[in-house]
Amino acid sequence: MRTAKKTLSYSLMHLTVAIAVAYALTRDWRAALAIGMIEPIFQTMAFAVHERVWARIGANGTSAPGARSASVEA
């Protein structure tokens, strides 16, 4: 449930930022809404997948293949 709430919160924030940036670049509200609504939809899906991958990594107590711990690099 926490991941769903976090994803929704991120989605709303991203939607607002995407529309604002698109408007700043185009100065056209219609274009800004079109651009700003499409990109966050895909970004939100990517975020949800990203969170699940990291949750699975944390649950397994492992890191990504080839990753080095901070203590090894120090």
Protein backbone atom coordinates (compact mmCIF):
# COMPACT_ATOMS: atom_id res chain seq x y z
CA MET A 1 0.00 0.00 0.00
CA ARG A 2 2.89 2.36 0.78
CA THR A 3 4.34 1.86 -2.69
CA ALA A 4 0.96 2.68 -4.28
CA LYS A 5 0.66 5.90 -2.26
CA LYS A 6 4.26 6.82 -3.04
CA THR A 7 3.70 6.15 -6.74
CA LEU A 8 0.55 8.29 -6.81
CA SER A 9 2.32 11.14 -4.98
CA TYR A 10 5.26 10.93 -7.39
CA SER A 11 2.89 10.84 -10.36
CA LEU A 12 1.09 14.02 -9.32
CA MET A 13 4.34 15.84 -8.67
CA HIS A 14 5.80 14.68 -11.97
CA LEU A 15 2.66 15.67 -13.87
CA THR A 16 2.84 19.20 -12.45
CA VAL A 17 6.53 19.59 -13.25
CA ALA A 18 6.17 18.13 -16.76
CA ILE A 19 3.32 20.49 -17.66
CA ALA A 20 5.17 23.50 -16.23
CA VAL A 21 8.35 22.69 -18.16
CA ALA A 22 6.42 22.01 -21.37
CA TYR A 23 4.59 25.32 -20.97
CA ALA A 24 7.84 27.18 -20.30
CA LEU A 25 9.25 25.77 -23.54
CA THR A 26 6.18 26.13 -25.76
CA ARG A 27 4.14 28.96 -24.19
CA ASP A 28 1.11 26.99 -25.40
CA TRP A 29 -1.20 25.45 -22.76
CA ARG A 30 -2.63 22.86 -25.16
CA ALA A 31 0.80 21.61 -26.17
CA ALA A 32 1.98 21.73 -22.55
CA LEU A 33 -0.96 19.61 -21.39
CA ALA A 34 -0.47 17.09 -24.20
CA ILE A 35 3.26 16.74 -23.57
CA GLY A 36 2.94 17.00 -19.81
CA MET A 37 0.31 14.27 -19.53
CA ILE A 38 1.90 11.68 -21.80
CA GLU A 39 5.43 11.62 -20.41
CA PRO A 40 4.53 11.20 -16.70
CA ILE A 41 2.27 8.25 -17.47
CA PHE A 42 5.21 6.28 -18.81
CA GLN A 43 7.57 7.62 -16.17
CA THR A 44 5.17 6.55 -13.40
CA MET A 45 5.03 3.01 -14.77
CA ALA A 46 8.83 2.95 -14.90
CA PHE A 47 8.98 4.21 -11.30
CA ALA A 48 6.65 1.45 -10.08
CA VAL A 49 8.79 -1.20 -11.77
CA HIS A 50 11.94 0.41 -10.36
CA GLU A 51 10.49 0.32 -6.82
CA ARG A 52 9.53 -3.34 -7.14
CA VAL A 53 13.02 -4.27 -8.34
CA TRP A 54 14.62 -2.46 -5.41
CA ALA A 55 12.14 -4.03 -2.96
CA ARG A 56 13.01 -7.46 -4.32
CA ILE A 57 16.73 -6.71 -4.03
CA GLY A 58 16.23 -5.59 -0.43
CA ALA A 59 14.11 -8.65 0.42
CA ASN A 60 16.76 -10.99 -0.95
CA GLY A 61 19.54 -9.19 0.87
CA THR A 62 21.54 -8.99 -2.32
CA SER A 63 22.75 -6.25 -4.58
CA ALA A 64 22.77 -5.98 -8.32
CA PRO A 65 25.27 -8.18 -10.15
CA GLY A 66 28.65 -6.50 -10.36
CA ALA A 67 27.79 -3.92 -7.70
CA ARG A 68 30.42 -3.21 -5.06
CA SER A 69 29.65 -2.19 -1.53
CA ALA A 70 30.72 1.20 -0.19
CA SER A 71 33.16 -0.44 2.25
CA VAL A 72 34.99 -2.15 -0.61
CA GLU A 73 35.36 1.12 -2.52
CA ALA A 74 36.53 3.16 0.49
